[in-house]
PDB file of N, CA and C in Angstrom:
ATOM      1  N   MET A   1     -74.843 129.866-140.363  1.00  0.00           N
ATOM      2  CA  MET A   1     -75.091 129.583-139.019  1.00  0.00           C
ATOM      3  C   MET A   1     -75.087 127.983-138.890  1.00  0.00           C
ATOM      4  N   ASN A   2     -74.583 127.443-137.824  1.00  0.00           N
ATOM      5  CA  ASN A   2     -74.756 126.091-137.533  1.00  0.00           C
ATOM      6  C   ASN A   2     -76.041 125.841-136.894  1.00  0.00           C
ATOM      7  N   GLN A   3     -76.254 124.564-136.468  1.00  0.00           N
ATOM      8  CA  GLN A   3     -77.573 124.059-135.946  1.00  0.00           C
ATOM      9  C   GLN A   3     -77.842 124.577-134.636  1.00  0.00           C
ATOM     10  N   SER A   4     -76.804 125.030-133.726  1.00  0.00           N
ATOM     11  CA  SER A   4     -77.007 125.515-132.422  1.00  0.00           C
ATOM     12  C   SER A   4     -77.331 126.947-132.486  1.00  0.00           C
ATOM     13  N   GLY A   5     -77.239 127.635-133.550  1.00  0.00           N
ATOM     14  CA  GLY A   5     -77.648 129.086-133.668  1.00  0.00           C
ATOM     15  C   GLY A   5     -76.469 129.977-133.402  1.00  0.00           C
ATOM     16  N   THR A   6     -75.293 129.535-133.193  1.00  0.00           N
ATOM     17  CA  THR A   6     -74.191 130.403-132.984  1.00  0.00           C
ATOM     18  C   THR A   6     -73.574 130.891-134.322  1.00  0.00           C
ATOM     19  N   LEU A   7     -72.805 131.965-134.352  1.00  0.00           N
ATOM     20  CA  LEU A   7     -72.249 132.598-135.475  1.00  0.00           C
ATOM     21  C   LEU A   7     -70.840 132.109-135.479  1.00  0.00           C
ATOM     22  N   THR A   8     -70.464 131.501-136.546  1.00  0.00           N
ATOM     23  CA  THR A   8     -68.991 130.988-136.598  1.00  0.00           C
ATOM     24  C   THR A   8     -68.183 132.055-137.288  1.00  0.00           C
ATOM     25  N   MET A   9     -66.844 131.734-137.400  1.00  0.00           N
ATOM     26  CA  MET A   9     -66.069 132.661-138.037  1.00  0.00           C
ATOM     27  C   MET A   9     -66.162 132.634-139.503  1.00  0.00           C
ATOM     28  N   ALA A  10     -66.485 131.453-139.921  1.00  0.00           N
ATOM     29  CA  ALA A  10     -66.721 131.330-141.481  1.00  0.00           C
ATOM     30  C   ALA A  10     -68.005 132.113-141.968  1.00  0.00           C
ATOM     31  N   ASP A  11     -68.916 132.150-140.957  1.00  0.00           N
ATOM     32  CA  ASP A  11     -70.213 133.130-141.298  1.00  0.00           C
ATOM     33  C   ASP A  11     -69.800 134.526-141.306  1.00  0.00           C
ATOM     34  N   ALA A  12     -69.183 134.819-140.332  1.00  0.00           N
ATOM     35  CA  ALA A  12     -68.727 136.239-140.183  1.00  0.00           C
ATOM     36  C   ALA A  12     -67.836 136.512-141.476  1.00  0.00           C
ATOM     37  N   GLY A  13     -66.925 135.768-141.843  1.00  0.00           N
ATOM     38  CA  GLY A  13     -66.061 136.055-142.987  1.00  0.00           C
ATOM     39  C   GLY A  13     -66.880 136.240-144.322  1.00  0.00           C
ATOM     40  N   ALA A  14     -67.841 135.394-144.372  1.00  0.00           N
ATOM     41  CA  ALA A  14     -68.731 135.406-145.699  1.00  0.00           C
ATOM     42  C   ALA A  14     -69.480 136.579-145.745  1.00  0.00           C
ATOM     43  N   THR A  15     -69.951 137.051-144.486  1.00  0.00           N
ATOM     44  CA  THR A  15     -70.866 138.170-144.508  1.00  0.00           C
ATOM     45  C   THR A  15     -69.880 139.486-144.832  1.00  0.00           C
ATOM     46  N   LEU A  16     -68.711 139.435-144.175  1.00  0.00           N
ATOM     47  CA  LEU A  16     -67.790 140.599-144.464  1.00  0.00           C
ATOM     48  C   LEU A  16     -67.434 140.693-145.916  1.00  0.00           C
ATOM     49  N   LEU A  17     -67.143 139.514-146.534  1.00  0.00           N
ATOM     50  CA  LEU A  17     -66.722 139.356-147.905  1.00  0.00           C
ATOM     51  C   LEU A  17     -67.969 139.870-148.898  1.00  0.00           C
ATOM     52  N   MET A  18     -69.239 139.532-148.541  1.00  0.00           N
ATOM     53  CA  MET A  18     -70.279 140.010-149.317  1.00  0.00           C
ATOM     54  C   MET A  18     -70.407 141.565-149.171  1.00  0.00           C
ATOM     55  N   LEU A  19     -70.351 142.132-147.937  1.00  0.00           N
ATOM     56  CA  LEU A  19     -70.375 143.557-147.631  1.00  0.00           C
ATOM     57  C   LEU A  19     -69.259 144.319-148.604  1.00  0.00           C
ATOM     58  N   LEU A  20     -68.037 143.776-148.595  1.00  0.00           N
ATOM     59  CA  LEU A  20     -66.993 144.380-149.423  1.00  0.00           C
ATOM     60  C   LEU A  20     -67.320 144.451-150.927  1.00  0.00           C
ATOM     61  N   VAL A  21     -67.985 143.218-151.255  1.00  0.00           N
ATOM     62  CA  VAL A  21     -68.489 143.115-152.800  1.00  0.00           C
ATOM     63  C   VAL A  21     -69.495 144.212-153.139  1.00  0.00           C
ATOM     64  N   VAL A  22     -70.522 144.392-152.216  1.00  0.00           N
ATOM     65  CA  VAL A  22     -71.468 145.374-152.347  1.00  0.00           C
ATOM     66  C   VAL A  22     -70.871 146.851-152.391  1.00  0.00           C
ATOM     67  N   LEU A  23     -69.972 147.197-151.477  1.00  0.00           N
ATOM     68  CA  LEU A  23     -69.282 148.532-151.426  1.00  0.00           C
ATOM     69  C   LEU A  23     -68.534 148.541-152.808  1.00  0.00           C
ATOM     70  N   ALA A  24     -67.781 147.695-153.192  1.00  0.00           N
ATOM     71  CA  ALA A  24     -67.032 147.716-154.469  1.00  0.00           C
ATOM     72  C   ALA A  24     -67.948 148.095-155.610  1.00  0.00           C
ATOM     73  N   VAL A  25     -69.194 147.374-155.696  1.00  0.00           N
ATOM     74  CA  VAL A  25     -70.031 147.676-156.739  1.00  0.00           C
ATOM     75  C   VAL A  25     -70.523 149.115-156.695  1.00  0.00           C
ATOM     76  N   ILE A  26     -70.823 149.733-155.361  1.00  0.00           N
ATOM     77  CA  ILE A  26     -71.433 151.021-155.375  1.00  0.00           C
ATOM     78  C   ILE A  26     -70.194 151.995-155.660  1.00  0.00           C
ATOM     79  N   VAL A  27     -69.038 151.808-155.240  1.00  0.00           N
ATOM     80  CA  VAL A  27     -67.827 152.629-155.728  1.00  0.00           C
ATOM     81  C   VAL A  27     -67.593 152.741-157.149  1.00  0.00           C
ATOM     82  N   GLY A  28     -67.753 151.305-157.812  1.00  0.00           N
ATOM     83  CA  GLY A  28     -67.573 151.303-159.341  1.00  0.00           C
ATOM     84  C   GLY A  28     -68.702 152.108-160.061  1.00  0.00           C
ATOM     85  N   LEU A  29     -70.033 151.963-159.616  1.00  0.00           N
ATOM     86  CA  LEU A  29     -71.006 152.577-160.241  1.00  0.00           C
ATOM     87  C   LEU A  29     -70.920 154.051-160.053  1.00  0.00           C
ATOM     88  N   ALA A  30     -70.438 154.587-158.912  1.00  0.00           N
ATOM     89  CA  ALA A  30     -70.254 156.012-158.633  1.00  0.00           C
ATOM     90  C   ALA A  30     -69.343 156.567-159.615  1.00  0.00           C
ATOM     91  N   ALA A  31     -68.194 155.839-159.886  1.00  0.00           N
ATOM     92  CA  ALA A  31     -66.996 156.283-160.864  1.00  0.00           C
ATOM     93  C   ALA A  31     -67.542 156.200-162.188  1.00  0.00           C
ATOM     94  N   LEU A  32     -68.568 155.292-162.578  1.00  0.00           N
ATOM     95  CA  LEU A  32     -68.941 155.302-163.883  1.00  0.00           C
ATOM     96  C   LEU A  32     -69.891 156.361-164.201  1.00  0.00           C
ATOM     97  N   VAL A  33     -70.638 156.797-163.215  1.00  0.00           N
ATOM     98  CA  VAL A  33     -71.650 158.096-163.413  1.00  0.00           C
ATOM     99  C   VAL A  33     -70.839 159.211-163.325  1.00  0.00           C
ATOM    100  N   ARG A  34     -69.730 159.367-162.628  1.00  0.00           N
ATOM    101  CA  ARG A  34     -68.913 160.597-162.618  1.00  0.00           C
ATOM    102  C   ARG A  34     -68.245 160.694-164.039  1.00  0.00           C
ATOM    103  N   LYS A  35     -67.770 159.593-164.529  1.00  0.00           N
ATOM    104  CA  LYS A  35     -67.171 159.615-165.877  1.00  0.00           C
ATOM    105  C   LYS A  35     -68.139 159.965-166.905  1.00  0.00           C
ATOM    106  N   MET A  36     -69.393 159.490-166.759  1.00  0.00           N
ATOM    107  CA  MET A  36     -70.293 159.794-167.795  1.00  0.00           C
ATOM    108  C   MET A  36     -70.723 161.340-167.722  1.00  0.00           C
ATOM    109  N   ASN A  37     -70.780 161.881-166.601  1.00  0.00           N
ATOM    110  CA  ASN A  37     -71.166 163.224-166.500  1.00  0.00           C
ATOM    111  C   ASN A  37     -70.098 164.139-166.950  1.00  0.00           C
ATOM    112  N   MET A  38     -68.879 163.680-166.874  1.00  0.00           N
ATOM    113  CA  MET A  38     -67.644 164.539-167.492  1.00  0.00           C
ATOM    114  C   MET A  38     -67.855 164.692-168.823  1.00  0.00           C
ATOM    115  N   ARG A  39     -68.476 163.755-169.544  1.00  0.00           N
ATOM    116  CA  ARG A  39     -68.663 163.850-171.057  1.00  0.00           C
ATOM    117  C   ARG A  39     -69.835 164.841-171.524  1.00  0.00           C
ATOM    118  N   MET A  40     -70.701 165.238-170.441  1.00  0.00           N
ATOM    119  CA  MET A  40     -71.749 165.890-170.846  1.00  0.00           C
ATOM    120  C   MET A  40     -71.275 167.337-171.034  1.00  0.00           C
ATOM    121  N   PRO A  41     -71.975 168.065-171.840  1.00  0.00           N
ATOM    122  CA  PRO A  41     -71.689 169.500-172.010  1.00  0.00           C
ATOM    123  C   PRO A  41     -71.794 170.343-170.685  1.00  0.00           C
ATOM    124  N   GLY A  42     -70.841 171.004-170.262  1.00  0.00           N
ATOM    125  CA  GLY A  42     -71.123 171.806-168.928  1.00  0.00           C
ATOM    126  C   GLY A  42     -70.912 173.248-169.270  1.00  0.00           C
ATOM    127  N   ARG A  43     -70.111 173.860-168.502  1.00  0.00           N
ATOM    128  CA  ARG A  43     -69.960 175.269-168.602  1.00  0.00           C
ATOM    129  C   ARG A  43     -69.308 175.665-169.994  1.00  0.00           C
ATOM    130  N   ASN A  44     -68.566 174.759-170.635  1.00  0.00           N
ATOM    131  CA  ASN A  44     -67.999 175.023-171.833  1.00  0.00           C
ATOM    132  C   ASN A  44     -68.795 174.755-173.007  1.00  0.00           C
ATOM    133  N   GLY A  45     -70.030 174.320-172.746  1.00  0.00           N
ATOM    134  CA  GLY A  45     -70.924 173.933-173.859  1.00  0.00           C
ATOM    135  C   GLY A  45     -71.555 175.146-174.437  1.00  0.00           C
ATOM    136  N   PRO A  46     -72.461 174.921-175.274  1.00  0.00           N
ATOM    137  CA  PRO A  46     -72.950 176.080-176.111  1.00  0.00           C
ATOM    138  C   PRO A  46     -74.083 176.993-175.356  1.00  0.00           C
ATOM    139  N   VAL A  47     -74.625 176.326-174.332  1.00  0.00           N
ATOM    140  CA  VAL A  47     -75.688 176.999-173.383  1.00  0.00           C
ATOM    141  C   VAL A  47     -75.163 176.948-171.935  1.00  0.00           C
ATOM    142  N   THR A  48     -75.186 178.225-171.371  1.00  0.00           N
ATOM    143  CA  THR A  48     -74.661 178.330-169.930  1.00  0.00           C
ATOM    144  C   THR A  48     -75.838 179.048-169.268  1.00  0.00           C
ATOM    145  N   VAL A  49     -76.372 178.599-168.053  1.00  0.00           N
ATOM    146  CA  VAL A  49     -77.135 179.444-167.108  1.00  0.00           C
ATOM    147  C   VAL A  49     -76.409 180.372-166.389  1.00  0.00           C
ATOM    148  N   LEU A  50     -76.684 181.601-166.671  1.00  0.00           N
ATOM    149  CA  LEU A  50     -76.003 182.744-165.913  1.00  0.00           C
ATOM    150  C   LEU A  50     -76.639 183.047-164.602  1.00  0.00           C
ATOM    151  N   SER A  51     -77.918 183.007-164.597  1.00  0.00           N
ATOM    152  CA  SER A  51     -78.640 183.397-163.339  1.00  0.00           C
ATOM    153  C   SER A  51     -80.064 182.746-163.228  1.00  0.00           C
ATOM    154  N   SER A  52     -80.574 182.416-162.059  1.00  0.00           N
ATOM    155  CA  SER A  52     -81.949 181.951-162.041  1.00  0.00           C
ATOM    156  C   SER A  52     -82.507 182.352-160.554  1.00  0.00           C
ATOM    157  N   VAL A  53     -83.874 182.896-161.028  1.00  0.00           N
ATOM    158  CA  VAL A  53     -84.388 183.428-159.746  1.00  0.00           C
ATOM    159  C   VAL A  53     -85.925 182.698-159.703  1.00  0.00           C
ATOM    160  N   SER A  54     -86.279 182.427-158.569  1.00  0.00           N
ATOM    161  CA  SER A  54     -87.508 181.787-158.285  1.00  0.00           C
ATOM    162  C   SER A  54     -88.542 182.863-158.197  1.00  0.00           C
ATOM    163  N   ILE A  55     -89.709 182.840-158.927  1.00  0.00           N
ATOM    164  CA  ILE A  55     -90.776 183.819-158.748  1.00  0.00           C
ATOM    165  C   ILE A  55     -92.063 183.133-158.309  1.00  0.00           C
ATOM    166  N   GLY A  56     -92.047 181.896-157.981  1.00  0.00           N
ATOM    167  CA  GLY A  56     -93.186 181.154-157.545  1.00  0.00           C
ATOM    168  C   GLY A  56     -92.766 179.783-157.186  1.00  0.00           C
ATOM    169  N   PRO A  57     -93.698 178.906-156.640  1.00  0.00           N
ATOM    170  CA  PRO A  57     -93.408 177.687-156.257  1.00  0.00           C
ATOM    171  C   PRO A  57     -92.756 176.713-157.460  1.00  0.00           C
ATOM    172  N   LYS A  58     -93.312 177.063-158.691  1.00  0.00           N
ATOM    173  CA  LYS A  58     -92.752 176.306-159.819  1.00  0.00           C
ATOM    174  C   LYS A  58     -92.539 177.165-161.095  1.00  0.00           C
ATOM    175  N   GLU A  59     -92.147 178.422-160.705  1.00  0.00           N
ATOM    176  CA  GLU A  59     -91.940 179.453-161.782  1.00  0.00           C
ATOM    177  C   GLU A  59     -90.614 180.058-161.584  1.00  0.00           C
ATOM    178  N   ARG A  60     -89.786 180.222-162.693  1.00  0.00           N
ATOM    179  CA  ARG A  60     -88.357 180.858-162.469  1.00  0.00           C
ATOM    180  C   ARG A  60     -88.124 181.745-163.736  1.00  0.00           C
ATOM    181  N   LEU A  61     -87.364 182.738-163.441  1.00  0.00           N
ATOM    182  CA  LEU A  61     -86.784 183.579-164.503  1.00  0.00           C
ATOM    183  C   LEU A  61     -85.238 183.109-164.656  1.00  0.00           C
ATOM    184  N   VAL A  62     -84.817 182.832-165.855  1.00  0.00           N
ATOM    185  CA  VAL A  62     -83.558 182.364-166.069  1.00  0.00           C
ATOM    186  C   VAL A  62     -82.851 183.171-167.139  1.00  0.00           C
ATOM    187  N   ILE A  63     -81.696 183.479-166.747  1.00  0.00           N
ATOM    188  CA  ILE A  63     -80.805 184.143-167.998  1.00  0.00           C
ATOM    189  C   ILE A  63     -79.707 183.219-168.398  1.00  0.00           C
ATOM    190  N   VAL A  64     -79.850 182.889-169.732  1.00  0.00           N
ATOM    191  CA  VAL A  64     -78.888 182.049-170.225  1.00  0.00           C
ATOM    192  C   VAL A  64     -78.110 182.659-171.367  1.00  0.00           C
ATOM    193  N   ALA A  65     -76.885 182.154-171.543  1.00  0.00           N
ATOM    194  CA  ALA A  65     -75.973 182.637-172.617  1.00  0.00           C
ATOM    195  C   ALA A  65     -75.965 181.571-173.708  1.00  0.00           C
ATOM    196  N   VAL A  66     -76.296 181.926-174.892  1.00  0.00           N
ATOM    197  CA  VAL A  66     -76.280 180.961-175.833  1.00  0.00           C
ATOM    198  C   VAL A  66     -75.381 181.615-176.948  1.00  0.00           C
ATOM    199  N   GLY A  67     -74.115 181.042-177.144  1.00  0.00           N
ATOM    200  CA  GLY A  67     -73.202 181.710-177.875  1.00  0.00           C
ATOM    201  C   GLY A  67     -72.831 182.989-177.532  1.00  0.00           C
ATOM    202  N   ASP A  68     -73.021 184.066-178.220  1.00  0.00           N
ATOM    203  CA  ASP A  68     -72.904 185.465-177.795  1.00  0.00           C
ATOM    204  C   ASP A  68     -74.074 186.270-177.397  1.00  0.00           C
ATOM    205  N   GLN A  69     -75.166 185.490-177.415  1.00  0.00           N
ATOM    206  CA  GLN A  69     -76.485 186.110-177.038  1.00  0.00           C
ATOM    207  C   GLN A  69     -76.900 185.816-175.627  1.00  0.00           C
ATOM    208  N   LYS A  70     -77.476 186.820-174.829  1.00  0.00           N
ATOM    209  CA  LYS A  70     -78.069 186.493-173.617  1.00  0.00           C
ATOM    210  C   LYS A  70     -79.574 186.677-173.724  1.00  0.00           C
ATOM    211  N   LEU A  71     -80.222 185.551-173.186  1.00  0.00           N
ATOM    212  CA  LEU A  71     -81.733 185.352-173.367  1.00  0.00           C
ATOM    213  C   LEU A  71     -82.250 185.294-171.916  1.00  0.00           C
ATOM    214  N   LEU A  72     -83.369 186.043-171.757  1.00  0.00           N
ATOM    215  CA  LEU A  72     -84.233 185.938-170.528  1.00  0.00           C
ATOM    216  C   LEU A  72     -85.477 185.005-170.741  1.00  0.00           C
ATOM    217  N   LEU A  73     -85.388 183.950-170.010  1.00  0.00           N
ATOM    218  CA  LEU A  73     -86.453 182.941-170.321  1.00  0.00           C
ATOM    219  C   LEU A  73     -87.370 182.885-169.126  1.00  0.00           C
ATOM    220  N   GLY A  74     -88.741 182.633-169.255  1.00  0.00           N
ATOM    221  CA  GLY A  74     -89.695 182.226-168.186  1.00  0.00           C
ATOM    222  C   GLY A  74     -89.839 180.719-168.250  1.00  0.00           C
ATOM    223  N   VAL A  75     -89.543 180.127-167.204  1.00  0.00           N
ATOM    224  CA  VAL A  75     -89.701 178.577-167.131  1.00  0.00           C
ATOM    225  C   VAL A  75     -90.694 178.164-166.221  1.00  0.00           C
ATOM    226  N   THR A  76     -91.637 177.314-166.547  1.00  0.00           N
ATOM    227  CA  THR A  76     -92.673 176.863-165.710  1.00  0.00           C
ATOM    228  C   THR A  76     -92.603 175.361-165.895  1.00  0.00           C
ATOM    229  N   THR A  77     -93.510 174.554-165.183  1.00  0.00           N
ATOM    230  CA  THR A  77     -93.419 173.069-165.391  1.00  0.00           C
ATOM    231  C   THR A  77     -93.990 172.665-166.665  1.00  0.00           C
ATOM    232  N   GLN A  78     -94.751 173.468-167.460  1.00  0.00           N
ATOM    233  CA  GLN A  78     -95.438 173.220-168.694  1.00  0.00           C
ATOM    234  C   GLN A  78     -94.488 173.655-169.829  1.00  0.00           C
ATOM    235  N   GLN A  79     -93.827 174.796-169.697  1.00  0.00           N
ATOM    236  CA  GLN A  79     -93.243 175.361-170.946  1.00  0.00           C
ATOM    237  C   GLN A  79     -92.054 176.297-170.619  1.00  0.00           C
ATOM    238  N   ILE A  80     -91.251 176.609-171.498  1.00  0.00           N
ATOM    239  CA  ILE A  80     -90.134 177.562-171.546  1.00  0.00           C
ATOM    240  C   ILE A  80     -90.350 178.621-172.608  1.00  0.00           C
ATOM    241  N   GLN A  81     -90.459 179.962-172.140  1.00  0.00           N
ATOM    242  CA  GLN A  81     -90.771 180.929-173.104  1.00  0.00           C
ATOM    243  C   GLN A  81     -89.660 181.961-173.072  1.00  0.00           C
ATOM    244  N   LEU A  82     -89.325 182.453-174.296  1.00  0.00           N
ATOM    245  CA  LEU A  82     -88.438 183.627-174.477  1.00  0.00           C
ATOM    246  C   LEU A  82     -89.271 184.803-174.153  1.00  0.00           C
ATOM    247  N   LEU A  83     -88.626 185.576-173.011  1.00  0.00           N
ATOM    248  CA  LEU A  83     -89.232 186.835-172.717  1.00  0.00           C
ATOM    249  C   LEU A  83     -88.554 188.024-173.318  1.00  0.00           C
ATOM    250  N   GLN A  84     -87.227 187.933-173.415  1.00  0.00           N
ATOM    251  CA  GLN A  84     -86.541 189.103-173.921  1.00  0.00           C
ATOM    252  C   GLN A  84     -85.241 188.656-174.360  1.00  0.00           C
ATOM    253  N   THR A  85     -84.648 189.302-175.545  1.00  0.00           N
ATOM    254  CA  THR A  85     -83.265 189.025-175.795  1.00  0.00           C
ATOM    255  C   THR A  85     -82.454 190.349-175.150  1.00  0.00           C
ATOM    256  N   LEU A  86     -81.520 190.043-174.320  1.00  0.00           N
ATOM    257  CA  LEU A  86     -80.889 191.061-173.541  1.00  0.00           C
ATOM    258  C   LEU A  86     -79.840 191.713-174.407  1.00  0.00           C
ATOM    259  N   PRO A  87     -79.353 192.991-174.154  1.00  0.00           N
ATOM    260  CA  PRO A  87     -78.304 193.598-174.930  1.00  0.00           C
ATOM    261  C   PRO A  87     -77.119 193.121-174.702  1.00  0.00           C
ATOM    262  N   ASP A  88     -76.007 193.227-175.669  1.00  0.00           N
ATOM    263  CA  ASP A  88     -74.691 192.597-175.492  1.00  0.00           C
ATOM    264  C   ASP A  88     -73.974 193.121-174.333  1.00  0.00           C
ATOM    265  N   ASP A  89     -74.205 194.289-173.849  1.00  0.00           N
ATOM    266  CA  ASP A  89     -73.535 194.769-172.685  1.00  0.00           C
ATOM    267  C   ASP A  89     -74.015 194.509-171.254  1.00  0.00           C
ATOM    268  N   PHE A  90     -75.075 193.625-171.506  1.00  0.00           N
ATOM    269  CA  PHE A  90     -75.790 193.268-170.059  1.00  0.00           C
ATOM    270  C   PHE A  90     -74.890 192.403-169.245  1.00  0.00           C
ATOM    271  N   LYS A  91     -74.727 192.824-167.919  1.00  0.00           N
ATOM    272  CA  LYS A  91     -73.849 192.014-167.042  1.00  0.00           C
ATOM    273  C   LYS A  91     -74.766 191.473-166.043  1.00  0.00           C
ATOM    274  N   VAL A  92     -74.261 190.300-165.602  1.00  0.00           N
ATOM    275  CA  VAL A  92     -74.870 189.497-164.535  1.00  0.00           C
ATOM    276  C   VAL A  92     -74.039 189.530-163.273  1.00  0.00           C
ATOM    277  N   LYS A  93     -74.666 189.992-162.220  1.00  0.00           N
ATOM    278  CA  LYS A  93     -73.773 189.973-161.043  1.00  0.00           C
ATOM    279  C   LYS A  93     -73.422 188.453-160.555  1.00  0.00           C
ATOM    280  N   ASP A  94     -72.477 188.249-159.815  1.00  0.00           N
ATOM    281  CA  ASP A  94     -72.034 186.935-159.325  1.00  0.00           C
ATOM    282  C   ASP A  94     -72.715 186.841-157.925  1.00  0.00           C
ATOM    283  N   THR A  95     -73.920 186.517-157.925  1.00  0.00           N
ATOM    284  CA  THR A  95     -74.644 186.439-156.648  1.00  0.00           C
ATOM    285  C   THR A  95     -74.325 185.176-155.865  1.00  0.00           C
ATOM    286  N   GLN A  96     -73.715 184.122-156.518  1.00  0.00           N
ATOM    287  CA  GLN A  96     -73.488 182.896-155.559  1.00  0.00           C
ATOM    288  C   GLN A  96     -72.289 183.155-154.782  1.00  0.00           C
ATOM    289  N   GLN A  97     -71.281 184.080-155.183  1.00  0.00           N
ATOM    290  CA  GLN A  97     -70.119 184.300-154.364  1.00  0.00           C
ATOM    291  C   GLN A  97     -70.640 185.136-153.144  1.00  0.00           C
ATOM    292  N   THR A  98     -71.519 186.053-153.411  1.00  0.00           N
ATOM    293  CA  THR A  98     -71.815 186.986-152.271  1.00  0.00           C
ATOM    294  C   THR A  98     -72.899 186.190-151.352  1.00  0.00           C
ATOM    295  N   ALA A  99     -73.618 185.212-151.758  1.00  0.00           N
ATOM    296  CA  ALA A  99     -74.410 184.388-150.956  1.00  0.00           C
ATOM    297  C   ALA A  99     -73.637 183.481-150.106  1.00  0.00           C
ATOM    298  N   SER A 100     -72.603 182.841-150.783  1.00  0.00           N
ATOM    299  CA  SER A 100     -71.745 182.021-149.952  1.00  0.00           C
ATOM    300  C   SER A 100     -71.059 182.753-148.838  1.00  0.00           C
ATOM    301  N   SER A 101     -70.661 183.842-149.066  1.00  0.00           N
ATOM    302  CA  SER A 101     -69.759 184.697-148.019  1.00  0.00           C
ATOM    303  C   SER A 101     -70.814 185.133-147.052  1.00  0.00           C
ATOM    304  N   SER A 102     -72.080 185.469-147.339  1.00  0.00           N
ATOM    305  CA  SER A 102     -72.979 185.900-146.338  1.00  0.00           C
ATOM    306  C   SER A 102     -73.378 184.671-145.487  1.00  0.00           C
ATOM    307  N   PHE A 103     -73.539 183.593-146.194  1.00  0.00           N
ATOM    308  CA  PHE A 103     -73.800 182.286-145.469  1.00  0.00           C
ATOM    309  C   PHE A 103     -72.583 181.883-144.470  1.00  0.00           C
ATOM    310  N   ALA A 104     -71.431 182.122-144.947  1.00  0.00           N
ATOM    311  CA  ALA A 104     -70.173 181.877-144.103  1.00  0.00           C
ATOM    312  C   ALA A 104     -70.279 182.782-142.890  1.00  0.00           C
ATOM    313  N   GLU A 105     -70.540 184.016-143.002  1.00  0.00           N
ATOM    314  CA  GLU A 105     -70.666 185.050-141.935  1.00  0.00           C
ATOM    315  C   GLU A 105     -71.730 184.683-141.048  1.00  0.00           C
ATOM    316  N   GLN A 106     -72.850 184.136-141.517  1.00  0.00           N
ATOM    317  CA  GLN A 106     -74.021 183.742-140.698  1.00  0.00           C
ATOM    318  C   GLN A 106     -73.592 182.617-139.876  1.00  0.00           C
ATOM    319  N   VAL A 107     -72.801 181.656-140.339  1.00  0.00           N
ATOM    320  CA  VAL A 107     -72.300 180.554-139.615  1.00  0.00           C
ATOM    321  C   VAL A 107     -71.331 180.863-138.557  1.00  0.00           C
ATOM    322  N   LEU A 108     -70.379 181.710-138.937  1.00  0.00           N
ATOM    323  CA  LEU A 108     -69.393 182.242-137.915  1.00  0.00           C
ATOM    324  C   LEU A 108     -70.079 182.935-136.749  1.00  0.00           C
ATOM    325  N   SER A 109     -71.165 183.800-137.128  1.00  0.00           N
ATOM    326  CA  SER A 109     -71.967 184.583-136.096  1.00  0.00           C
ATOM    327  C   SER A 109     -72.620 183.487-135.125  1.00  0.00           C
ATOM    328  N   ALA A 110     -73.187 182.613-135.733  1.00  0.00           N
ATOM    329  CA  ALA A 110     -73.944 181.506-135.007  1.00  0.00           C
ATOM    330  C   ALA A 110     -73.143 180.808-134.055  1.00  0.00           C
ATOM    331  N   LEU A 111     -71.682 180.547-134.540  1.00  0.00           N
ATOM    332  CA  LEU A 111     -70.860 179.799-133.701  1.00  0.00           C
ATOM    333  C   LEU A 111     -70.371 180.700-132.575  1.00  0.00           C
ATOM    334  N   LYS A 112     -70.251 181.977-132.788  1.00  0.00           N
ATOM    335  CA  LYS A 112     -69.701 182.878-131.842  1.00  0.00           C
ATOM    336  C   LYS A 112     -70.851 182.895-130.706  1.00  0.00           C
ATOM    337  N   ARG A 113     -72.199 183.057-131.130  1.00  0.00           N
ATOM    338  CA  ARG A 113     -73.215 183.188-130.269  1.00  0.00           C
ATOM    339  C   ARG A 113     -73.505 181.994-129.368  1.00  0.00           C
ATOM    340  N   ASP A 114     -73.041 180.832-129.866  1.00  0.00           N
ATOM    341  CA  ASP A 114     -73.264 179.535-129.147  1.00  0.00           C
ATOM    342  C   ASP A 114     -72.251 179.517-128.082  1.00  0.00           C
ATOM    343  N   ARG A 115     -71.234 180.297-128.152  1.00  0.00           N
ATOM    344  CA  ARG A 115     -70.034 180.069-127.237  1.00  0.00           C
ATOM    345  C   ARG A 115     -70.357 180.729-125.917  1.00  0.00           C
TER     346      ARG A 115
END
């Protein structure tokens, strides 16, 4: 800014340049985080969460697969405890697919209702 308090083109250009630098840093950091998360063991790792159900504000029942075993775990904020080793023929329903389809149906019905 000059002495009269008006914004010059040089000031606007410097501000725009700094904004672009900040945005480039944000995009670069996001790419770095994404690359680091790719290296973490995911679904192909030795432990996979098959299902999780909340039974209280901070308590959950979780079914995990560790190798060929399926385990039922009780998870709280203080501890994780093995409740039961599940049989080999135990199947877990795909609840996420049915929940997403019912959510989609709810959205469509809400849109139809608003018309």
